[in-house]
Amino acid sequence: MSDPKKNRVSRWYFGGLASAGAACVTHPLDLLKVALQTQQEGKLSIVQLTGKVIRDQGIFALYNGISASLLRQLTYSTARFGIYEVAKQNLGSDPSFIMKITLAGSAGAAGGFVGTPADMVNVRMQNDVKLAPEARRNYKHAVDGLFRVYREEGFRRLFSGATTATMRGSMMSIGQIAFYDQVKVMLLTTKYFDDNPKTHFVASLMAGAIATTLTQPLDVLKTRSMNAAPGQFKGLWDIVLYTAKLGPLGFFKGYIPAFVRLGPHTILTFLLLEQLRLNFGFEKK
C-alpha cells in the first residue's frame, strides 16, 4: 500500500522557510564568496581569507550579515518557490520540462527583483569583514541597513543591481527548481529510487551544480554592482568591462566557494522542503 504522504504537495511558503533554514548553515560560505568576488586582484585564496577573517575579527564574523541573508531568503526564495509551486499546481497534470523552465525562469525573475534590497544589504554587510574599520558601513542589522540606504542614498539605490539580480534569479531558479523537479521525476521512473531523502539528495546535488554554472557570471556582476560606491560605475556594461580586465575567468571568480556554498544550500533547501511537503503539505484536489 502506497504512503498517502507522498501524494502531498507543498504550500506556497515552504520554499522560503526551507531556504532560510539552509542559509543558517551555509552563510559563512556565502560571506567568503562575496569577499572573493569583490577582490579585483584576487591575492587571497578562500583558505587564506577564512584565516584572516577569524584572526582579525573572530569566528562569529563569518556570520556577519546573517539577518540580511535570512531576510533575502524570506523575500527572494518565498517569491520564486511560491510562484512556481502555485503555477505548477494550477496546471493540472505534471508539466513538460520546457514548461517547468518557463515557470521557474519567470518565478526567479520576480523573486530576484523582490529580493534585491535585502540582497544588496546582505552583500554590503558580508563585505565589511574585509574592509578597514573606518571604511565599513556597520549596519546593525538588515532593517537598519535598508533604512540607512534609503536615507543616505535614496530609494532607487535599494534596487541597485536589480537587473543582474533579476537575470540571476531567473537562471538560478531554472538550474535549481526546474532541473531538480525534472531530475527527481526521471529518478522516480527507475526501480532504484523512491520518494525519499536519497532521491532528494541526488536530484538536489545535480541541480546545485547546474545552477552554479548558469549563474556565476551574473553573480559576480551583481555582487560588484551592489557593493560599488555611488557613481563608481556608469552602468552594467561598465561593470562587465571592469571585470573583463581579469580575463574570461574573472566572470567565474569565486566559482569554487560558490559551488561549495550553493551545493550544500541547494541540498539542504530541498531536503527541508521535501520534509515540509511530506509532513505538512496537503493533498491536491
C-alpha atoms as a PDB file:
ATOM      1  CA  MET A   1       0.000   0.000   0.000  1.00  0.00           C
ATOM      2  CA  SER A   2       1.464   3.351  -1.009  1.00  0.00           C
ATOM      3  CA  ASP A   3       2.187   6.038   1.567  1.00  0.00           C
ATOM      4  CA  PRO A   4      -0.509   8.761   1.250  1.00  0.00           C
ATOM      5  CA  LYS A   5       2.017  11.359   2.408  1.00  0.00           C
ATOM      6  CA  LYS A   6       3.866  11.016  -0.902  1.00  0.00           C
ATOM      7  CA  ASN A   7       0.884  12.421  -2.772  1.00  0.00           C
ATOM      8  CA  ARG A   8       1.068  15.685  -0.850  1.00  0.00           C
ATOM      9  CA  VAL A   9       2.142  18.954  -2.480  1.00  0.00           C
ATOM     10  CA  SER A  10       3.913  21.947  -0.974  1.00  0.00           C
ATOM     11  CA  ARG A  11       2.278  25.074   0.358  1.00  0.00           C
ATOM     12  CA  TRP A  12       3.412  28.265  -1.366  1.00  0.00           C
ATOM     13  CA  TYR A  13       5.616  29.482   1.502  1.00  0.00           C
ATOM     14  CA  PHE A  14       7.508  26.228   2.169  1.00  0.00           C
ATOM     15  CA  GLY A  15      10.330  27.167  -0.234  1.00  0.00           C
ATOM     16  CA  GLY A  16      11.094  30.385   1.639  1.00  0.00           C
ATOM     17  CA  LEU A  17      11.172  28.607   5.004  1.00  0.00           C
ATOM     18  CA  ALA A  18      13.404  25.829   3.655  1.00  0.00           C
ATOM     19  CA  SER A  19      15.797  28.321   2.031  1.00  0.00           C
ATOM     20  CA  ALA A  20      16.044  30.354   5.241  1.00  0.00           C
ATOM     21  CA  GLY A  21      16.859  27.207   7.190  1.00  0.00           C
ATOM     22  CA  ALA A  22      19.567  26.268   4.697  1.00  0.00           C
ATOM     23  CA  ALA A  23      21.021  29.801   4.834  1.00  0.00           C
ATOM     24  CA  CYS A  24      21.661  29.434   8.569  1.00  0.00           C
ATOM     25  CA  VAL A  25      24.111  26.637   7.753  1.00  0.00           C
ATOM     26  CA  THR A  26      25.726  27.972   4.568  1.00  0.00           C
ATOM     27  CA  HIS A  27      26.008  31.693   5.428  1.00  0.00           C
ATOM     28  CA  PRO A  28      29.778  31.622   6.191  1.00  0.00           C
ATOM     29  CA  LEU A  29      30.465  30.168   2.733  1.00  0.00           C
ATOM     30  CA  ASP A  30      28.286  32.852   1.139  1.00  0.00           C
ATOM     31  CA  LEU A  31      30.202  35.547   3.028  1.00  0.00           C
ATOM     32  CA  LEU A  32      33.561  34.226   1.815  1.00  0.00           C
ATOM     33  CA  LYS A  33      32.222  34.014  -1.752  1.00  0.00           C
ATOM     34  CA  VAL A  34      31.215  37.700  -1.667  1.00  0.00           C
ATOM     35  CA  ALA A  35      34.597  38.734  -0.253  1.00  0.00           C
ATOM     36  CA  LEU A  36      36.432  36.812  -3.003  1.00  0.00           C
ATOM     37  CA  GLN A  37      34.250  38.245  -5.773  1.00  0.00           C
ATOM     38  CA  THR A  38      34.922  41.838  -4.710  1.00  0.00           C
ATOM     39  CA  GLN A  39      38.706  41.370  -4.769  1.00  0.00           C
ATOM     40  CA  GLN A  40      39.906  42.902  -8.008  1.00  0.00           C
ATOM     41  CA  GLU A  41      43.413  41.498  -7.724  1.00  0.00           C
ATOM     42  CA  GLY A  42      42.442  38.190  -6.150  1.00  0.00           C
ATOM     43  CA  LYS A  43      45.501  37.835  -3.914  1.00  0.00           C
ATOM     44  CA  LEU A  44      43.867  35.779  -1.148  1.00  0.00           C
ATOM     45  CA  SER A  45      42.601  32.219  -1.537  1.00  0.00           C
ATOM     46  CA  ILE A  46      39.474  31.063   0.283  1.00  0.00           C
ATOM     47  CA  VAL A  47      41.615  29.358   2.957  1.00  0.00           C
ATOM     48  CA  GLN A  48      43.763  32.469   3.460  1.00  0.00           C
ATOM     49  CA  LEU A  49      40.722  34.722   3.559  1.00  0.00           C
ATOM     50  CA  THR A  50      38.974  32.483   6.099  1.00  0.00           C
ATOM     51  CA  GLY A  51      42.041  32.534   8.341  1.00  0.00           C
ATOM     52  CA  LYS A  52      42.389  36.305   8.049  1.00  0.00           C
ATOM     53  CA  VAL A  53      38.738  36.948   8.968  1.00  0.00           C
ATOM     54  CA  ILE A  54      38.899  34.646  12.010  1.00  0.00           C
ATOM     55  CA  ARG A  55      42.247  36.043  13.198  1.00  0.00           C
ATOM     56  CA  ASP A  56      41.241  39.682  12.802  1.00  0.00           C
ATOM     57  CA  GLN A  57      37.593  39.592  13.923  1.00  0.00           C
ATOM     58  CA  GLY A  58      36.823  36.228  15.486  1.00  0.00           C
ATOM     59  CA  ILE A  59      34.867  33.244  14.240  1.00  0.00           C
ATOM     60  CA  PHE A  60      31.485  34.953  14.641  1.00  0.00           C
ATOM     61  CA  ALA A  61      32.492  37.425  11.913  1.00  0.00           C
ATOM     62  CA  LEU A  62      31.713  34.596   9.470  1.00  0.00           C
ATOM     63  CA  TYR A  63      28.054  35.206  10.341  1.00  0.00           C
ATOM     64  CA  ASN A  64      28.207  38.919   9.644  1.00  0.00           C
ATOM     65  CA  GLY A  65      25.027  39.867   7.783  1.00  0.00           C
ATOM     66  CA  ILE A  66      23.018  36.766   8.745  1.00  0.00           C
ATOM     67  CA  SER A  67      19.900  38.901   9.371  1.00  0.00           C
ATOM     68  CA  ALA A  68      20.081  40.231   5.795  1.00  0.00           C
ATOM     69  CA  SER A  69      20.673  36.728   4.462  1.00  0.00           C
ATOM     70  CA  LEU A  70      17.528  35.479   6.199  1.00  0.00           C
ATOM     71  CA  LEU A  71      15.512  38.491   5.011  1.00  0.00           C
ATOM     72  CA  ARG A  72      16.725  37.842   1.464  1.00  0.00           C
ATOM     73  CA  GLN A  73      15.607  34.220   1.539  1.00  0.00           C
ATOM     74  CA  LEU A  74      12.241  35.131   3.040  1.00  0.00           C
ATOM     75  CA  THR A  75      11.616  37.572   0.181  1.00  0.00           C
ATOM     76  CA  TYR A  76      13.536  36.204  -2.824  1.00  0.00           C
ATOM     77  CA  SER A  77      13.035  32.476  -2.271  1.00  0.00           C
ATOM     78  CA  THR A  78       9.493  32.738  -0.943  1.00  0.00           C
ATOM     79  CA  ALA A  79       8.516  34.621  -4.108  1.00  0.00           C
ATOM     80  CA  ARG A  80      10.232  32.293  -6.599  1.00  0.00           C
ATOM     81  CA  PHE A  81       9.241  29.000  -4.978  1.00  0.00           C
ATOM     82  CA  GLY A  82       5.746  30.299  -4.246  1.00  0.00           C
ATOM     83  CA  ILE A  83       5.047  31.472  -7.787  1.00  0.00           C
ATOM     84  CA  TYR A  84       6.463  28.274  -9.294  1.00  0.00           C
ATOM     85  CA  GLU A  85       4.554  25.978  -6.937  1.00  0.00           C
ATOM     86  CA  VAL A  86       1.198  27.729  -7.297  1.00  0.00           C
ATOM     87  CA  ALA A  87       1.509  27.933 -11.106  1.00  0.00           C
ATOM     88  CA  LYS A  88       2.553  24.285 -11.382  1.00  0.00           C
ATOM     89  CA  GLN A  89      -0.301  23.092  -9.173  1.00  0.00           C
ATOM     90  CA  ASN A  90      -2.824  25.028 -11.259  1.00  0.00           C
ATOM     91  CA  LEU A  91      -1.651  23.417 -14.496  1.00  0.00           C
ATOM     92  CA  GLY A  92      -3.180  20.103 -13.545  1.00  0.00           C
ATOM     93  CA  SER A  93      -1.026  17.224 -14.791  1.00  0.00           C
ATOM     94  CA  ASP A  94       2.772  17.210 -14.494  1.00  0.00           C
ATOM     95  CA  PRO A  95       4.017  19.913 -16.907  1.00  0.00           C
ATOM     96  CA  SER A  96       6.670  19.346 -19.572  1.00  0.00           C
ATOM     97  CA  PHE A  97      10.311  20.206 -18.937  1.00  0.00           C
ATOM     98  CA  ILE A  98      10.036  23.253 -21.199  1.00  0.00           C
ATOM     99  CA  MET A  99       7.058  24.475 -19.185  1.00  0.00           C
ATOM    100  CA  LYS A 100       8.984  23.919 -15.950  1.00  0.00           C
ATOM    101  CA  ILE A 101      11.882  26.001 -17.294  1.00  0.00           C
ATOM    102  CA  THR A 102       9.462  28.756 -18.323  1.00  0.00           C
ATOM    103  CA  LEU A 103       7.724  28.769 -14.940  1.00  0.00           C
ATOM    104  CA  ALA A 104      10.983  28.640 -12.983  1.00  0.00           C
ATOM    105  CA  GLY A 105      12.600  31.388 -15.084  1.00  0.00           C
ATOM    106  CA  SER A 106       9.617  33.713 -14.662  1.00  0.00           C
ATOM    107  CA  ALA A 107       9.288  32.990 -10.935  1.00  0.00           C
ATOM    108  CA  GLY A 108      13.016  33.501 -10.429  1.00  0.00           C
ATOM    109  CA  ALA A 109      12.977  36.851 -12.210  1.00  0.00           C
ATOM    110  CA  ALA A 110      10.151  38.064  -9.968  1.00  0.00           C
ATOM    111  CA  GLY A 111      11.903  36.759  -6.870  1.00  0.00           C
ATOM    112  CA  GLY A 112      15.213  38.330  -7.890  1.00  0.00           C
ATOM    113  CA  PHE A 113      13.610  41.751  -8.207  1.00  0.00           C
ATOM    114  CA  VAL A 114      11.639  41.491  -4.945  1.00  0.00           C
ATOM    115  CA  GLY A 115      14.708  40.333  -3.042  1.00  0.00           C
ATOM    116  CA  THR A 116      17.114  42.975  -4.399  1.00  0.00           C
ATOM    117  CA  PRO A 117      17.014  45.391  -1.404  1.00  0.00           C
ATOM    118  CA  ALA A 118      17.737  42.635   1.137  1.00  0.00           C
ATOM    119  CA  ASP A 119      20.334  41.133  -1.212  1.00  0.00           C
ATOM    120  CA  MET A 120      22.192  44.444  -1.500  1.00  0.00           C
ATOM    121  CA  VAL A 121      22.300  44.909   2.272  1.00  0.00           C
ATOM    122  CA  ASN A 122      23.430  41.295   2.605  1.00  0.00           C
ATOM    123  CA  VAL A 123      26.335  41.849   0.192  1.00  0.00           C
ATOM    124  CA  ARG A 124      27.419  45.036   1.975  1.00  0.00           C
ATOM    125  CA  MET A 125      27.253  43.520   5.464  1.00  0.00           C
ATOM    126  CA  GLN A 126      29.236  40.490   4.351  1.00  0.00           C
ATOM    127  CA  ASN A 127      31.860  42.600   2.591  1.00  0.00           C
ATOM    128  CA  ASP A 128      32.508  44.619   5.770  1.00  0.00           C
ATOM    129  CA  VAL A 129      34.660  41.786   7.155  1.00  0.00           C
ATOM    130  CA  LYS A 130      37.487  42.509   4.719  1.00  0.00           C
ATOM    131  CA  LEU A 131      37.420  46.307   4.981  1.00  0.00           C
ATOM    132  CA  ALA A 132      39.396  48.536   7.319  1.00  0.00           C
ATOM    133  CA  PRO A 133      37.288  49.636  10.355  1.00  0.00           C
ATOM    134  CA  GLU A 134      36.962  53.210   9.080  1.00  0.00           C
ATOM    135  CA  ALA A 135      35.677  52.015   5.677  1.00  0.00           C
ATOM    136  CA  ARG A 136      32.945  49.712   6.987  1.00  0.00           C
ATOM    137  CA  ARG A 137      29.269  50.580   6.700  1.00  0.00           C
ATOM    138  CA  ASN A 138      28.496  48.900  10.031  1.00  0.00           C
ATOM    139  CA  TYR A 139      24.800  48.239   9.542  1.00  0.00           C
ATOM    140  CA  LYS A 140      23.358  46.954  12.833  1.00  0.00           C
ATOM    141  CA  HIS A 141      21.059  44.502  11.090  1.00  0.00           C
ATOM    142  CA  ALA A 142      19.125  44.091   7.839  1.00  0.00           C
ATOM    143  CA  VAL A 143      16.344  46.561   8.641  1.00  0.00           C
ATOM    144  CA  ASP A 144      18.872  49.177   9.792  1.00  0.00           C
ATOM    145  CA  GLY A 145      20.718  48.668   6.509  1.00  0.00           C
ATOM    146  CA  LEU A 146      17.560  49.177   4.453  1.00  0.00           C
ATOM    147  CA  PHE A 147      16.662  52.410   6.267  1.00  0.00           C
ATOM    148  CA  ARG A 148      20.214  53.766   6.068  1.00  0.00           C
ATOM    149  CA  VAL A 149      20.461  53.116   2.331  1.00  0.00           C
ATOM    150  CA  TYR A 150      17.083  54.826   1.856  1.00  0.00           C
ATOM    151  CA  ARG A 151      18.096  57.870   3.948  1.00  0.00           C
ATOM    152  CA  GLU A 152      21.676  58.231   2.734  1.00  0.00           C
ATOM    153  CA  GLU A 153      21.454  57.140  -0.905  1.00  0.00           C
ATOM    154  CA  GLY A 154      17.778  57.325  -1.878  1.00  0.00           C
ATOM    155  CA  PHE A 155      15.041  54.814  -2.689  1.00  0.00           C
ATOM    156  CA  ARG A 156      16.408  53.900  -6.124  1.00  0.00           C
ATOM    157  CA  ARG A 157      19.668  52.763  -4.562  1.00  0.00           C
ATOM    158  CA  LEU A 158      17.760  49.979  -2.772  1.00  0.00           C
ATOM    159  CA  PHE A 159      17.316  48.386  -6.189  1.00  0.00           C
ATOM    160  CA  SER A 160      20.926  48.782  -7.284  1.00  0.00           C
ATOM    161  CA  GLY A 161      21.859  45.628  -9.154  1.00  0.00           C
ATOM    162  CA  ALA A 162      18.202  44.756  -9.789  1.00  0.00           C
ATOM    163  CA  THR A 163      18.902  43.984 -13.460  1.00  0.00           C
ATOM    164  CA  THR A 164      21.574  41.392 -12.731  1.00  0.00           C
ATOM    165  CA  ALA A 165      19.684  40.129  -9.659  1.00  0.00           C
ATOM    166  CA  THR A 166      16.608  39.545 -11.827  1.00  0.00           C
ATOM    167  CA  MET A 167      18.600  37.719 -14.512  1.00  0.00           C
ATOM    168  CA  ARG A 168      20.490  35.720 -11.894  1.00  0.00           C
ATOM    169  CA  GLY A 169      17.264  34.852 -10.088  1.00  0.00           C
ATOM    170  CA  SER A 170      15.814  33.558 -13.341  1.00  0.00           C
ATOM    171  CA  MET A 171      18.849  31.407 -14.169  1.00  0.00           C
ATOM    172  CA  MET A 172      19.189  30.227 -10.558  1.00  0.00           C
ATOM    173  CA  SER A 173      15.571  29.091 -10.455  1.00  0.00           C
ATOM    174  CA  ILE A 174      15.907  27.275 -13.773  1.00  0.00           C
ATOM    175  CA  GLY A 175      19.024  25.487 -12.515  1.00  0.00           C
ATOM    176  CA  GLN A 176      17.667  24.742  -9.066  1.00  0.00           C
ATOM    177  CA  ILE A 177      13.899  24.349  -9.282  1.00  0.00           C
ATOM    178  CA  ALA A 178      13.232  23.201 -12.864  1.00  0.00           C
ATOM    179  CA  PHE A 179      16.208  20.836 -13.044  1.00  0.00           C
ATOM    180  CA  TYR A 180      15.563  19.464  -9.547  1.00  0.00           C
ATOM    181  CA  ASP A 181      11.957  18.782 -10.483  1.00  0.00           C
ATOM    182  CA  GLN A 182      12.930  17.099 -13.759  1.00  0.00           C
ATOM    183  CA  VAL A 183      15.815  15.037 -12.353  1.00  0.00           C
ATOM    184  CA  LYS A 184      13.618  13.864  -9.485  1.00  0.00           C
ATOM    185  CA  VAL A 185      10.896  12.739 -11.922  1.00  0.00           C
ATOM    186  CA  MET A 186      13.495  10.881 -14.016  1.00  0.00           C
ATOM    187  CA  LEU A 187      14.939   9.155 -10.941  1.00  0.00           C
ATOM    188  CA  LEU A 188      11.485   8.084  -9.741  1.00  0.00           C
ATOM    189  CA  THR A 189      10.780   6.375 -13.076  1.00  0.00           C
ATOM    190  CA  THR A 190      13.591   3.892 -12.341  1.00  0.00           C
ATOM    191  CA  LYS A 191      13.378   0.969  -9.938  1.00  0.00           C
ATOM    192  CA  TYR A 192      16.328   2.245  -7.911  1.00  0.00           C
ATOM    193  CA  PHE A 193      14.746   5.355  -6.413  1.00  0.00           C
ATOM    194  CA  ASP A 194      11.704   6.158  -4.310  1.00  0.00           C
ATOM    195  CA  ASP A 195      10.315   9.437  -2.940  1.00  0.00           C
ATOM    196  CA  ASN A 196      12.781   9.537  -0.046  1.00  0.00           C
ATOM    197  CA  PRO A 197      15.817  11.584   1.140  1.00  0.00           C
ATOM    198  CA  LYS A 198      18.239   9.578  -1.037  1.00  0.00           C
ATOM    199  CA  THR A 199      16.406  10.661  -4.181  1.00  0.00           C
ATOM    200  CA  HIS A 200      16.049  14.218  -2.918  1.00  0.00           C
ATOM    201  CA  PHE A 201      19.808  14.353  -2.197  1.00  0.00           C
ATOM    202  CA  VAL A 202      20.883  13.119  -5.633  1.00  0.00           C
ATOM    203  CA  ALA A 203      18.469  15.399  -7.508  1.00  0.00           C
ATOM    204  CA  SER A 204      19.404  18.469  -5.457  1.00  0.00           C
ATOM    205  CA  LEU A 205      23.162  17.828  -5.821  1.00  0.00           C
ATOM    206  CA  MET A 206      22.805  17.781  -9.609  1.00  0.00           C
ATOM    207  CA  ALA A 207      20.593  20.873  -9.523  1.00  0.00           C
ATOM    208  CA  GLY A 208      23.155  22.731  -7.392  1.00  0.00           C
ATOM    209  CA  ALA A 209      25.964  22.023  -9.859  1.00  0.00           C
ATOM    210  CA  ILE A 210      23.855  23.179 -12.825  1.00  0.00           C
ATOM    211  CA  ALA A 211      22.661  26.306 -11.023  1.00  0.00           C
ATOM    212  CA  THR A 212      26.202  27.350 -10.043  1.00  0.00           C
ATOM    213  CA  THR A 213      27.440  27.104 -13.629  1.00  0.00           C
ATOM    214  CA  LEU A 214      24.481  29.040 -15.034  1.00  0.00           C
ATOM    215  CA  THR A 215      24.584  31.862 -12.515  1.00  0.00           C
ATOM    216  CA  GLN A 216      28.222  32.519 -11.619  1.00  0.00           C
ATOM    217  CA  PRO A 217      28.945  35.251 -14.229  1.00  0.00           C
ATOM    218  CA  LEU A 218      25.762  37.103 -13.268  1.00  0.00           C
ATOM    219  CA  ASP A 219      26.523  36.603  -9.589  1.00  0.00           C
ATOM    220  CA  VAL A 220      29.928  38.261  -9.971  1.00  0.00           C
ATOM    221  CA  LEU A 221      28.401  41.255 -11.796  1.00  0.00           C
ATOM    222  CA  LYS A 222      25.574  41.531  -9.241  1.00  0.00           C
ATOM    223  CA  THR A 223      27.972  41.479  -6.306  1.00  0.00           C
ATOM    224  CA  ARG A 224      30.188  44.180  -7.816  1.00  0.00           C
ATOM    225  CA  SER A 225      27.189  46.360  -8.642  1.00  0.00           C
ATOM    226  CA  MET A 226      25.676  46.130  -5.167  1.00  0.00           C
ATOM    227  CA  ASN A 227      28.965  46.698  -3.374  1.00  0.00           C
ATOM    228  CA  ALA A 228      30.050  49.661  -5.541  1.00  0.00           C
ATOM    229  CA  ALA A 229      30.264  53.186  -4.201  1.00  0.00           C
ATOM    230  CA  PRO A 230      27.703  55.636  -5.681  1.00  0.00           C
ATOM    231  CA  GLY A 231      28.864  56.700  -9.151  1.00  0.00           C
ATOM    232  CA  GLN A 232      31.690  54.132  -9.353  1.00  0.00           C
ATOM    233  CA  PHE A 233      30.163  52.516 -12.440  1.00  0.00           C
ATOM    234  CA  LYS A 234      28.102  54.131 -15.208  1.00  0.00           C
ATOM    235  CA  GLY A 235      26.014  51.034 -15.794  1.00  0.00           C
ATOM    236  CA  LEU A 236      26.026  47.262 -16.218  1.00  0.00           C
ATOM    237  CA  TRP A 237      28.268  47.355 -19.291  1.00  0.00           C
ATOM    238  CA  ASP A 238      30.850  49.372 -17.362  1.00  0.00           C
ATOM    239  CA  ILE A 239      30.942  46.608 -14.721  1.00  0.00           C
ATOM    240  CA  VAL A 240      31.319  43.988 -17.458  1.00  0.00           C
ATOM    241  CA  LEU A 241      34.346  45.843 -18.895  1.00  0.00           C
ATOM    242  CA  TYR A 242      35.835  46.305 -15.419  1.00  0.00           C
ATOM    243  CA  THR A 243      35.504  42.585 -14.682  1.00  0.00           C
ATOM    244  CA  ALA A 244      36.782  41.610 -18.138  1.00  0.00           C
ATOM    245  CA  LYS A 245      40.176  43.124 -17.284  1.00  0.00           C
ATOM    246  CA  LEU A 246      40.791  39.948 -15.296  1.00  0.00           C
ATOM    247  CA  GLY A 247      40.146  37.795 -18.381  1.00  0.00           C
ATOM    248  CA  PRO A 248      37.313  35.288 -19.019  1.00  0.00           C
ATOM    249  CA  LEU A 249      37.876  33.596 -15.661  1.00  0.00           C
ATOM    250  CA  GLY A 250      37.146  36.918 -13.973  1.00  0.00           C
ATOM    251  CA  PHE A 251      33.443  36.220 -14.566  1.00  0.00           C
ATOM    252  CA  PHE A 252      33.813  32.941 -12.667  1.00  0.00           C
ATOM    253  CA  LYS A 253      35.735  34.443  -9.757  1.00  0.00           C
ATOM    254  CA  GLY A 254      34.779  32.636  -6.577  1.00  0.00           C
ATOM    255  CA  TYR A 255      33.345  29.652  -8.507  1.00  0.00           C
ATOM    256  CA  ILE A 256      34.673  27.018  -6.103  1.00  0.00           C
ATOM    257  CA  PRO A 257      33.334  28.701  -2.933  1.00  0.00           C
ATOM    258  CA  ALA A 258      30.135  29.475  -4.874  1.00  0.00           C
ATOM    259  CA  PHE A 259      29.620  25.774  -5.597  1.00  0.00           C
ATOM    260  CA  VAL A 260      30.796  24.755  -2.121  1.00  0.00           C
ATOM    261  CA  ARG A 261      28.146  27.131  -0.764  1.00  0.00           C
ATOM    262  CA  LEU A 262      25.385  26.629  -3.355  1.00  0.00           C
ATOM    263  CA  GLY A 263      25.698  22.840  -3.484  1.00  0.00           C
ATOM    264  CA  PRO A 264      25.015  22.321   0.252  1.00  0.00           C
ATOM    265  CA  HIS A 265      22.481  25.170   0.241  1.00  0.00           C
ATOM    266  CA  THR A 266      20.543  23.551  -2.617  1.00  0.00           C
ATOM    267  CA  ILE A 267      20.697  20.123  -0.981  1.00  0.00           C
ATOM    268  CA  LEU A 268      19.574  21.423   2.421  1.00  0.00           C
ATOM    269  CA  THR A 269      16.825  23.553   0.863  1.00  0.00           C
ATOM    270  CA  PHE A 270      15.249  20.650  -0.996  1.00  0.00           C
ATOM    271  CA  LEU A 271      15.715  18.159   1.851  1.00  0.00           C
ATOM    272  CA  LEU A 272      13.916  20.595   4.169  1.00  0.00           C
ATOM    273  CA  LEU A 273      11.327  21.440   1.505  1.00  0.00           C
ATOM    274  CA  GLU A 274      10.515  17.787   0.902  1.00  0.00           C
ATOM    275  CA  GLN A 275      10.149  17.123   4.620  1.00  0.00           C
ATOM    276  CA  LEU A 276       7.815  20.107   4.935  1.00  0.00           C
ATOM    277  CA  ARG A 277       5.830  18.769   1.956  1.00  0.00           C
ATOM    278  CA  LEU A 278       5.607  15.213   3.282  1.00  0.00           C
ATOM    279  CA  ASN A 279       4.716  16.208   6.846  1.00  0.00           C
ATOM    280  CA  PHE A 280       2.810  19.488   6.495  1.00  0.00           C
ATOM    281  CA  GLY A 281       1.698  19.630   2.840  1.00  0.00           C
ATOM    282  CA  PHE A 282      -1.785  18.959   1.547  1.00  0.00           C
ATOM    283  CA  GLU A 283      -3.309  16.550  -0.931  1.00  0.00           C
ATOM    284  CA  LYS A 284      -4.121  18.189  -4.236  1.00  0.00           C
ATOM    285  CA  LYS A 285      -7.794  18.097  -5.099  1.00  0.00           C
END
